[in-house]
Amino acid sequence: MHSGIIATLADVTLGSVTAFSSDPPLGLTKANLSIDSLGTAHPGDWIEAHAPIWPDELSG
């Protein structure tokens, strides 16, 4: 799988979790995304992303 697809998955996950980490949802989120490929995903491999947010850590 092309690393650009994996980067897109990470980008969408990061944007979604940060936008919906507050109530009401944030209208704009900004992040710096850098990808260092360590291996290869092959057809049939399962790819998923998780980005939990702990509110206590957001308040500083």
Protein backbone atom coordinates (compact mmCIF):
# COMPACT_ATOMS: atom_id res chain seq x y z
CA MET A 1 0.00 0.00 0.00
CA HIS A 2 1.32 3.43 -0.90
CA SER A 3 2.45 5.43 2.15
CA GLY A 4 0.40 8.38 0.90
CA ILE A 5 -2.77 6.38 1.53
CA ILE A 6 -1.60 5.53 5.04
CA ALA A 7 -0.71 9.20 5.62
CA THR A 8 -4.20 10.20 4.48
CA LEU A 9 -5.76 7.72 6.92
CA ALA A 10 -3.64 9.16 9.74
CA ASP A 11 -4.48 12.73 8.71
CA VAL A 12 -8.24 12.12 8.62
CA THR A 13 -8.13 10.29 11.96
CA LEU A 14 -6.09 13.02 13.64
CA GLY A 15 -8.32 15.78 12.25
CA SER A 16 -11.52 14.01 13.26
CA VAL A 17 -10.44 13.19 16.79
CA THR A 18 -9.18 16.71 17.48
CA ALA A 19 -12.26 18.35 15.97
CA PHE A 20 -14.65 16.23 17.99
CA SER A 21 -12.65 16.33 21.25
CA SER A 22 -14.62 19.37 22.40
CA ASP A 23 -18.28 20.27 22.65
CA PRO A 24 -19.21 21.97 20.39
CA PRO A 25 -16.77 20.48 17.85
CA LEU A 26 -13.86 22.68 16.81
CA GLY A 27 -14.32 24.28 13.41
CA LEU A 28 -10.62 24.20 12.57
CA THR A 29 -7.78 21.94 13.62
CA LYS A 30 -4.13 22.17 12.68
CA ALA A 31 -1.40 19.58 12.99
CA ASN A 32 1.98 18.72 11.53
CA LEU A 33 2.03 15.22 10.06
CA SER A 34 5.25 13.40 9.20
CA ILE A 35 5.41 9.79 8.02
CA ASP A 36 8.47 7.53 8.30
CA SER A 37 7.72 4.22 6.60
CA LEU A 38 9.03 1.19 8.47
CA GLY A 39 7.53 -1.56 6.34
CA THR A 40 5.07 -2.44 3.63
CA ALA A 41 1.34 -3.11 3.74
CA HIS A 42 0.32 -5.76 1.24
CA PRO A 43 -3.06 -6.44 -0.40
CA GLY A 44 -5.25 -8.13 2.20
CA ASP A 45 -3.43 -6.58 5.20
CA TRP A 46 -5.68 -4.89 7.75
CA ILE A 47 -4.95 -1.17 8.22
CA GLU A 48 -6.71 0.89 10.89
CA ALA A 49 -6.08 4.00 12.98
CA HIS A 50 -6.97 4.82 16.58
CA ALA A 51 -6.49 8.22 18.18
CA PRO A 52 -7.90 8.38 21.72
CA ILE A 53 -8.09 11.73 23.46
CA TRP A 54 -7.91 12.09 27.22
CA PRO A 55 -9.55 15.43 28.20
CA ASP A 56 -7.30 15.91 31.25
CA GLU A 57 -4.26 16.05 28.97
CA LEU A 58 -5.87 18.71 26.74
CA SER A 59 -6.20 21.22 29.58
CA GLY A 60 -2.46 21.37 30.01
